[in-house]
Amino acid sequence: MDISLWIATLTPLVALGAFWFSLQKFQERLLSRQGDQDRNQETKASQLRTELSAQLQANRQELQQGLVQSSQALEGRFHTIDTRLDTRLKELTEGVQTKLEANLKEGFHHFARVEEALRNAQAQLSDLNRVGQSINDLNNLLKLPHLRGGFGEASLERLLSDFLPAEAFELQYRIVPGSTERVDAVIKYPKYVLPIDSKFPREQILPLFETGLPDQLEQARKNLVEVMRVLGKSIRSKYIHPEHGTTEMALLFVPSETLYFEVLRNPAICEELQKSKVFVVSPNTFAAMLHAVATARNYYEMSKGVEHTLQELRKATTHFENFQGRFEEVGTALDKAQKCFAISSTHLTRYGNAVQRITDATAGETLVPALGQEPLPLAPMS
């Protein structure tokens, strides 16, 4: 083989060797670049994990701080509400206790007045019994008409003033406005007045007190029926006016127990007076009636105080129910906040798990496929 043939044969081999050397260099640069990319990806993934962890930690701290602040604010608000509730309940309790004590004291005062009135009534009944023992002297004293009228009105006024307070009755009361007629007295009720007129028709029924003959007594009783009929109709027309604020009945006060018993024992007189809605009372029966009226009036005044106390209790109950509604609303809001916190915690856990899965997947995944990791074999020489 000559030199030219050897050179011709060696030239392709040199070119092939140069190509192989270049290919090796390219492969080395490619592997170096792939390594740099892998290291960059790992660095970026590490930075991303660090940033996500820091962000999650910051979010968690911020959420915990917000929950702590909310809990402190709610605790402060509950403490304020509790303090106000204790203060309000204490005020209401003290107010109710004070009013109840005042009402009890007033009730005991009324009972004392009733007891005193009973003692006065007992004393007056004793006086009336003594007066009954000297009825003959009284008949002689009352022979003058003007003295009889004054005695009846004075007895009526004394009984009224002994049993009732001054604002509960009125003397010489004009029922019909503009009229000249005045009733001797009225008892005042909340919406009405009860007319009371005093009469002592001694001349017409004098035989009832001075004779024992049957004929004269029978005639005197007939005269008594006629007199009472006239008196009943007169009182009916003059003093019973419901349209002017009176009751539908009136009282005829007779200051003599003997005359009163004569009226009661005669059915005709009672029937005539009932038709006129007029009822006869004597000092004894009128005193008993006034005692009942005074007792009823005292209980009425006491009931007004109790009603006022009950109204205050109803107001306190309403305020407490309103507070209970507000308290339940706060409890509902707290339940909602607790549920929101639980949901947020669940979402935070899921978000952390998702980030962890992304981090784990990034760490085990090859981003760029390897090329020619082993050197290419040389072609065999022929």
Foldseek 3Di string as FASTA:
>chain_A
DDPVVVVVVVVVVVVLVVVQVVVVVVQVVVVVVLVVVVVVLVVVLVVVVVVVVVVLVVVVVVVVVVVVVVVVVVVVVVVVLVVVVVVVVVVLVVVLVVLVVVLVVLVVVLVVVLVVLVVVLVVVVVVVVVCVVVVVVVVVVPPDPVVQQVVQLVLVVVLCVSQHPPVQKDAQDQQDPPDPHTAGMWGDDPQAIAGEHEDEPCVLLVCVPVDDDPVNNVNSLVSVLVVLLVVLQVCLVRPQDVVSGHDNAYEYEYADPSVVVSCVVDVSSVVSNVVSRYYYDYSSRVSVVSSVVSSVVSVVVSVVSVVVSVVSVVVVVVVVVVVVVVVVVVVVVVVVVVVVVVVVVVVSVVVVVVSVVVSVVSVPDSPDDRDCPDRDDDDDDD
